[in-house]
Amino acid sequence: MDPALLKRSAPRAPSRGRAAEREADAEGLTADRAGDPKFDLIELFFFAYRDFVGDADRLLEAYQFGRAHHRVLHFVNRHPGLTIAELLDILRITKQSLNRVLKELLDQSYVEARPGVADRRQRLLFPTPEGRRLALEVARLQSERFSRVLGALGEGARADAVAFLLEMIDPGERDKAASLVWPEPKGDA
């Protein structure tokens, strides 16, 4: 990492005087104090997310798909047989919002809906071979960014990143998110 960036984002020593401290506070560059906005982290998170999803946005633009299509396709690919209710719970969007995006993915044969085994009224979502290919192409593109970053940060960076991101999730949702990220292997019972 650029030493100038590290120095700039490091907490400032209190000996600089009140005017310099107030200026640093306004820039979000001082040590954390309870209740103070953490502008540096907020803005770095914004820029990191912008560039991370930008990789996918550029690829999906060729298909006339957006971020909502990507999210649906990603989770359907990662969890074939997902119900619409489960997908709504993961994405936390309205059924109306999902319907438009899902209809486009279904109509263009990136996702297919099959009736449930126990309840034929239930619709289970599966990626088509083309949907799986596109989902993996986007995942590989985004994984390249992670590989580059983790390589630059060195040993232990992946574990630290995982711990940080898990802590960013609301406590009541962490187990649910973790079970989606690292699903239990299905046994041959």
Protein backbone atom coordinates (compact mmCIF):
# COMPACT_ATOMS: atom_id res chain seq x y z
CA MET A 1 0.00 0.00 0.00
CA ASP A 2 1.14 3.53 -0.70
CA PRO A 3 2.95 4.82 2.45
CA ALA A 4 1.49 8.30 1.89
CA LEU A 5 -2.02 6.85 2.10
CA LEU A 6 -1.21 4.95 5.27
CA LYS A 7 0.29 8.06 6.84
CA ARG A 8 -2.70 10.18 5.81
CA SER A 9 -5.23 7.73 7.19
CA ALA A 10 -3.31 7.10 10.41
CA PRO A 11 -4.54 8.82 13.59
CA ARG A 12 -2.94 12.20 14.13
CA ALA A 13 -0.97 13.03 17.25
CA PRO A 14 -2.76 15.36 19.71
CA SER A 15 0.17 17.81 19.79
CA ARG A 16 -0.87 19.51 16.55
CA GLY A 17 -3.19 22.01 18.24
CA ARG A 18 -6.96 22.36 18.34
CA ALA A 19 -7.28 24.03 14.90
CA ALA A 20 -5.36 21.21 13.20
CA GLU A 21 -7.38 18.64 15.16
CA ARG A 22 -10.67 20.22 14.06
CA GLU A 23 -9.47 20.24 10.45
CA ALA A 24 -8.46 16.57 10.69
CA ASP A 25 -11.81 15.76 12.32
CA ALA A 26 -13.64 17.43 9.43
CA GLU A 27 -11.66 15.27 7.00
CA GLY A 28 -12.42 12.09 8.95
CA LEU A 29 -8.72 11.36 9.48
CA THR A 30 -8.40 11.20 13.25
CA ALA A 31 -8.62 8.25 15.58
CA ASP A 32 -12.09 6.88 16.18
CA ARG A 33 -14.12 8.38 18.97
CA ALA A 34 -17.50 7.02 19.90
CA GLY A 35 -20.20 8.68 17.82
CA ASP A 36 -17.85 10.43 15.38
CA PRO A 37 -18.55 9.79 11.69
CA LYS A 38 -15.94 7.53 10.16
CA PHE A 39 -15.84 9.36 6.84
CA ASP A 40 -12.65 7.67 5.69
CA LEU A 41 -14.10 4.17 6.08
CA ILE A 42 -17.48 5.17 4.68
CA GLU A 43 -15.92 6.68 1.58
CA LEU A 44 -13.33 3.93 1.07
CA PHE A 45 -16.12 1.35 1.33
CA PHE A 46 -18.12 3.30 -1.25
CA PHE A 47 -15.21 3.51 -3.71
CA ALA A 48 -14.24 -0.13 -3.22
CA TYR A 49 -17.84 -1.25 -3.81
CA ARG A 50 -18.18 1.06 -6.82
CA ASP A 51 -15.14 -0.46 -8.51
CA PHE A 52 -15.97 -4.02 -7.47
CA VAL A 53 -19.47 -3.92 -8.99
CA GLY A 54 -18.18 -1.82 -11.90
CA ASP A 55 -16.25 -4.85 -13.15
CA ALA A 56 -19.50 -6.82 -13.32
CA ASP A 57 -21.51 -3.86 -14.65
CA ARG A 58 -19.27 -3.52 -17.72
CA LEU A 59 -19.59 -7.21 -18.56
CA LEU A 60 -23.36 -7.37 -17.94
CA GLU A 61 -23.97 -4.26 -20.04
CA ALA A 62 -23.29 -6.35 -23.17
CA TYR A 63 -26.27 -8.52 -22.17
CA GLN A 64 -28.42 -5.49 -21.30
CA PHE A 65 -28.46 -6.69 -17.70
CA GLY A 66 -27.87 -4.66 -14.56
CA ARG A 67 -26.92 -5.26 -10.94
CA ALA A 68 -30.31 -6.71 -10.04
CA HIS A 69 -29.94 -9.34 -12.76
CA HIS A 70 -26.45 -10.12 -11.48
CA ARG A 71 -27.65 -10.61 -7.90
CA VAL A 72 -30.47 -12.93 -8.94
CA LEU A 73 -28.29 -14.93 -11.31
CA HIS A 74 -25.50 -15.17 -8.73
CA PHE A 75 -27.67 -16.66 -5.98
CA VAL A 76 -29.65 -18.91 -8.32
CA ASN A 77 -26.35 -20.26 -9.65
CA ARG A 78 -24.86 -20.71 -6.18
CA HIS A 79 -28.03 -22.32 -4.79
CA PRO A 80 -29.87 -24.19 -7.55
CA GLY A 81 -33.42 -25.03 -6.50
CA LEU A 82 -33.81 -21.79 -4.54
CA THR A 83 -37.43 -20.78 -4.05
CA ILE A 84 -38.66 -17.32 -4.91
CA ALA A 85 -39.42 -16.73 -1.22
CA GLU A 86 -35.84 -17.67 -0.28
CA LEU A 87 -34.45 -15.37 -2.97
CA LEU A 88 -36.64 -12.50 -1.77
CA ASP A 89 -35.33 -13.07 1.76
CA ILE A 90 -31.70 -13.04 0.60
CA LEU A 91 -32.01 -9.94 -1.57
CA ARG A 92 -34.48 -8.09 0.66
CA ILE A 93 -36.40 -6.69 -2.26
CA THR A 94 -40.10 -6.63 -3.07
CA LYS A 95 -41.73 -9.36 -5.10
CA GLN A 96 -42.60 -6.73 -7.70
CA SER A 97 -38.91 -5.76 -8.08
CA LEU A 98 -37.88 -9.38 -8.40
CA ASN A 99 -40.61 -10.25 -10.91
CA ARG A 100 -39.38 -7.85 -13.60
CA VAL A 101 -35.75 -9.01 -13.37
CA LEU A 102 -36.64 -12.68 -13.03
CA LYS A 103 -38.98 -12.50 -16.03
CA GLU A 104 -36.13 -11.15 -18.19
CA LEU A 105 -33.76 -13.88 -16.99
CA LEU A 106 -36.41 -16.54 -17.63
CA ASP A 107 -37.39 -15.14 -21.05
CA GLN A 108 -33.77 -15.01 -22.18
CA SER A 109 -33.08 -18.55 -20.87
CA TYR A 110 -30.53 -17.71 -18.19
CA VAL A 111 -32.77 -19.08 -15.41
CA GLU A 112 -35.50 -21.69 -15.45
CA ALA A 113 -38.34 -22.24 -12.98
CA ARG A 114 -39.44 -25.77 -12.13
CA PRO A 115 -42.37 -26.86 -9.97
CA GLY A 116 -41.55 -27.96 -6.44
CA VAL A 117 -41.43 -31.66 -5.61
CA ALA A 118 -43.59 -31.53 -2.48
CA ASP A 119 -45.68 -28.52 -3.55
CA ARG A 120 -46.19 -28.23 -7.31
CA ARG A 121 -47.31 -24.59 -6.88
CA GLN A 122 -43.87 -23.68 -5.61
CA ARG A 123 -41.36 -22.48 -8.23
CA LEU A 124 -37.76 -23.60 -7.83
CA LEU A 125 -35.14 -21.57 -9.66
CA PHE A 126 -32.22 -23.11 -11.54
CA PRO A 127 -29.55 -21.62 -13.79
CA THR A 128 -29.54 -22.81 -17.37
CA PRO A 129 -26.16 -23.78 -18.84
CA GLU A 130 -25.96 -20.26 -20.34
CA GLY A 131 -26.92 -18.72 -16.98
CA ARG A 132 -24.28 -20.76 -15.17
CA ARG A 133 -21.66 -19.70 -17.75
CA LEU A 134 -22.50 -15.99 -17.33
CA ALA A 135 -22.63 -16.21 -13.53
CA LEU A 136 -19.20 -17.88 -13.47
CA GLU A 137 -17.76 -15.35 -15.93
CA VAL A 138 -18.79 -12.50 -13.63
CA ALA A 139 -17.55 -14.37 -10.54
CA ARG A 140 -14.16 -14.98 -12.16
CA LEU A 141 -13.88 -11.31 -13.09
CA GLN A 142 -14.64 -10.20 -9.53
CA SER A 143 -12.39 -12.93 -8.10
CA GLU A 144 -9.47 -11.51 -10.10
CA ARG A 145 -9.86 -8.24 -8.17
CA PHE A 146 -9.91 -10.11 -4.85
CA SER A 147 -6.84 -12.15 -5.82
CA ARG A 148 -4.91 -9.01 -6.76
CA VAL A 149 -5.86 -7.24 -3.53
CA LEU A 150 -5.26 -10.20 -1.24
CA GLY A 151 -1.90 -10.83 -2.92
CA ALA A 152 -0.89 -7.22 -2.30
CA LEU A 153 -1.93 -7.37 1.36
CA GLY A 154 -0.13 -10.61 2.16
CA GLU A 155 -0.57 -13.45 4.60
CA GLY A 156 -3.69 -13.39 6.75
CA ALA A 157 -5.46 -10.81 4.58
CA ARG A 158 -8.20 -13.20 3.45
CA ALA A 159 -9.05 -14.25 7.01
CA ASP A 160 -9.08 -10.60 8.11
CA ALA A 161 -11.31 -9.66 5.18
CA VAL A 162 -13.74 -12.48 5.96
CA ALA A 163 -13.86 -11.49 9.64
CA PHE A 164 -14.41 -7.80 8.75
CA LEU A 165 -17.21 -8.55 6.27
CA LEU A 166 -18.95 -10.96 8.66
CA GLU A 167 -18.88 -8.31 11.38
CA MET A 168 -20.45 -5.79 8.96
CA ILE A 169 -23.53 -8.05 8.71
CA ASP A 170 -26.25 -7.49 11.31
CA PRO A 171 -25.66 -9.96 14.20
CA GLY A 172 -29.02 -11.69 13.71
CA GLU A 173 -28.24 -12.30 10.04
CA ARG A 174 -24.64 -13.56 10.26
CA ASP A 175 -25.45 -17.25 10.64
CA LYS A 176 -27.91 -17.10 7.74
CA ALA A 177 -25.37 -15.32 5.53
CA ALA A 178 -22.61 -17.75 6.54
CA SER A 179 -24.83 -20.73 5.69
CA LEU A 180 -25.33 -19.29 2.19
CA VAL A 181 -21.63 -18.57 1.71
CA TRP A 182 -20.45 -21.90 3.15
CA PRO A 183 -23.37 -24.35 2.74
CA GLU A 184 -23.31 -27.64 4.58
CA PRO A 185 -22.38 -30.53 2.28
CA LYS A 186 -25.41 -32.58 1.31
CA GLY A 187 -24.99 -36.16 2.46
CA ASP A 188 -26.21 -39.32 0.76
CA ALA A 189 -28.54 -40.34 3.56
